[in-house]
Amino acid sequence: MMLSVSCAERVKPAPAPQLIYVYPPAVLLQQCEQTPFTGTTFGDAVLALQVAQNELDVCASRIEGLIKWQRDNVTK
């Protein structure tokens, strides 16, 4: 059995899929601070260590935030 299909019945191709980029919140993408050491004494070194530890804590919390954001936004 043969079917006749006219030109008016042509099937339109499906539109090409579009990529949608989803980026994490900007607050999680800020560069981590690194205060340079400019001291000359052991006391200055201790203070600089405390500052560096605080900077590392902030940076680590951003990394944890990125990991959580990625885990929550993965498409399956």
C-alpha atoms as a PDB file:
ATOM      1  CA  MET A   1       0.000   0.000   0.000  1.00  0.00           C
ATOM      2  CA  MET A   2       1.423   3.392  -0.962  1.00  0.00           C
ATOM      3  CA  LEU A   3       0.614   6.619   0.773  1.00  0.00           C
ATOM      4  CA  SER A   4       0.497   9.948  -0.933  1.00  0.00           C
ATOM      5  CA  VAL A   5       1.751  12.954   0.988  1.00  0.00           C
ATOM      6  CA  SER A   6       1.411  16.443  -0.401  1.00  0.00           C
ATOM      7  CA  CYS A   7       3.986  19.220  -0.017  1.00  0.00           C
ATOM      8  CA  ALA A   8       1.703  21.055   2.372  1.00  0.00           C
ATOM      9  CA  GLU A   9       2.000  18.245   4.892  1.00  0.00           C
ATOM     10  CA  ARG A  10       5.757  18.373   5.356  1.00  0.00           C
ATOM     11  CA  VAL A  11       6.839  17.841   8.903  1.00  0.00           C
ATOM     12  CA  LYS A  12       8.887  20.669  10.351  1.00  0.00           C
ATOM     13  CA  PRO A  13      12.146  19.565  11.975  1.00  0.00           C
ATOM     14  CA  ALA A  14      12.358  19.898  15.733  1.00  0.00           C
ATOM     15  CA  PRO A  15      14.194  23.022  16.900  1.00  0.00           C
ATOM     16  CA  ALA A  16      17.799  22.545  17.943  1.00  0.00           C
ATOM     17  CA  PRO A  17      18.237  22.190  21.699  1.00  0.00           C
ATOM     18  CA  GLN A  18      19.491  25.273  23.483  1.00  0.00           C
ATOM     19  CA  LEU A  19      22.125  25.207  26.201  1.00  0.00           C
ATOM     20  CA  ILE A  20      21.176  27.049  29.342  1.00  0.00           C
ATOM     21  CA  TYR A  21      24.098  27.947  31.560  1.00  0.00           C
ATOM     22  CA  VAL A  22      23.409  28.216  35.258  1.00  0.00           C
ATOM     23  CA  TYR A  23      26.124  29.910  37.275  1.00  0.00           C
ATOM     24  CA  PRO A  24      26.630  29.823  41.038  1.00  0.00           C
ATOM     25  CA  PRO A  25      25.932  32.950  43.077  1.00  0.00           C
ATOM     26  CA  ALA A  26      28.562  35.660  42.590  1.00  0.00           C
ATOM     27  CA  VAL A  27      29.351  35.764  46.311  1.00  0.00           C
ATOM     28  CA  LEU A  28      30.781  32.236  46.005  1.00  0.00           C
ATOM     29  CA  LEU A  29      33.017  33.215  43.084  1.00  0.00           C
ATOM     30  CA  GLN A  30      34.920  36.038  44.741  1.00  0.00           C
ATOM     31  CA  GLN A  31      38.663  35.690  44.846  1.00  0.00           C
ATOM     32  CA  CYS A  32      40.112  34.773  48.224  1.00  0.00           C
ATOM     33  CA  GLU A  33      42.132  37.422  50.045  1.00  0.00           C
ATOM     34  CA  GLN A  34      45.818  36.956  50.757  1.00  0.00           C
ATOM     35  CA  THR A  35      47.248  39.661  52.981  1.00  0.00           C
ATOM     36  CA  PRO A  36      51.002  39.928  52.456  1.00  0.00           C
ATOM     37  CA  PHE A  37      53.250  39.613  55.484  1.00  0.00           C
ATOM     38  CA  THR A  38      55.028  42.912  56.181  1.00  0.00           C
ATOM     39  CA  GLY A  39      56.052  42.390  59.803  1.00  0.00           C
ATOM     40  CA  THR A  40      59.523  42.101  61.268  1.00  0.00           C
ATOM     41  CA  THR A  41      58.990  40.456  64.653  1.00  0.00           C
ATOM     42  CA  PHE A  42      57.674  37.169  66.010  1.00  0.00           C
ATOM     43  CA  GLY A  43      54.669  39.065  67.357  1.00  0.00           C
ATOM     44  CA  ASP A  44      53.959  40.349  63.843  1.00  0.00           C
ATOM     45  CA  ALA A  45      54.178  36.770  62.568  1.00  0.00           C
ATOM     46  CA  VAL A  46      51.615  35.592  65.117  1.00  0.00           C
ATOM     47  CA  LEU A  47      49.209  38.368  64.145  1.00  0.00           C
ATOM     48  CA  ALA A  48      49.743  37.600  60.452  1.00  0.00           C
ATOM     49  CA  LEU A  49      49.021  33.938  61.130  1.00  0.00           C
ATOM     50  CA  GLN A  50      45.716  34.853  62.763  1.00  0.00           C
ATOM     51  CA  VAL A  51      44.783  37.036  59.772  1.00  0.00           C
ATOM     52  CA  ALA A  52      45.757  34.258  57.350  1.00  0.00           C
ATOM     53  CA  GLN A  53      43.684  31.729  59.313  1.00  0.00           C
ATOM     54  CA  ASN A  54      40.628  33.990  59.107  1.00  0.00           C
ATOM     55  CA  GLU A  55      41.166  34.405  55.354  1.00  0.00           C
ATOM     56  CA  LEU A  56      41.421  30.628  54.945  1.00  0.00           C
ATOM     57  CA  ASP A  57      38.192  30.148  56.907  1.00  0.00           C
ATOM     58  CA  VAL A  58      36.349  32.566  54.595  1.00  0.00           C
ATOM     59  CA  CYS A  59      37.802  30.886  51.512  1.00  0.00           C
ATOM     60  CA  ALA A  60      36.912  27.414  52.794  1.00  0.00           C
ATOM     61  CA  SER A  61      33.325  28.494  53.441  1.00  0.00           C
ATOM     62  CA  ARG A  62      33.067  29.697  49.820  1.00  0.00           C
ATOM     63  CA  ILE A  63      34.366  26.362  48.551  1.00  0.00           C
ATOM     64  CA  GLU A  64      31.853  24.540  50.770  1.00  0.00           C
ATOM     65  CA  GLY A  65      29.140  26.829  49.377  1.00  0.00           C
ATOM     66  CA  LEU A  66      30.163  25.984  45.798  1.00  0.00           C
ATOM     67  CA  ILE A  67      30.133  22.263  46.527  1.00  0.00           C
ATOM     68  CA  LYS A  68      26.676  22.515  48.130  1.00  0.00           C
ATOM     69  CA  TRP A  69      25.379  24.677  45.260  1.00  0.00           C
ATOM     70  CA  GLN A  70      26.649  22.180  42.689  1.00  0.00           C
ATOM     71  CA  ARG A  71      25.167  19.240  44.599  1.00  0.00           C
ATOM     72  CA  ASP A  72      21.781  21.011  44.816  1.00  0.00           C
ATOM     73  CA  ASN A  73      21.778  22.075  41.133  1.00  0.00           C
ATOM     74  CA  VAL A  74      22.949  18.947  39.339  1.00  0.00           C
ATOM     75  CA  THR A  75      20.574  17.893  36.599  1.00  0.00           C
ATOM     76  CA  LYS A  76      19.880  14.201  36.499  1.00  0.00           C
END
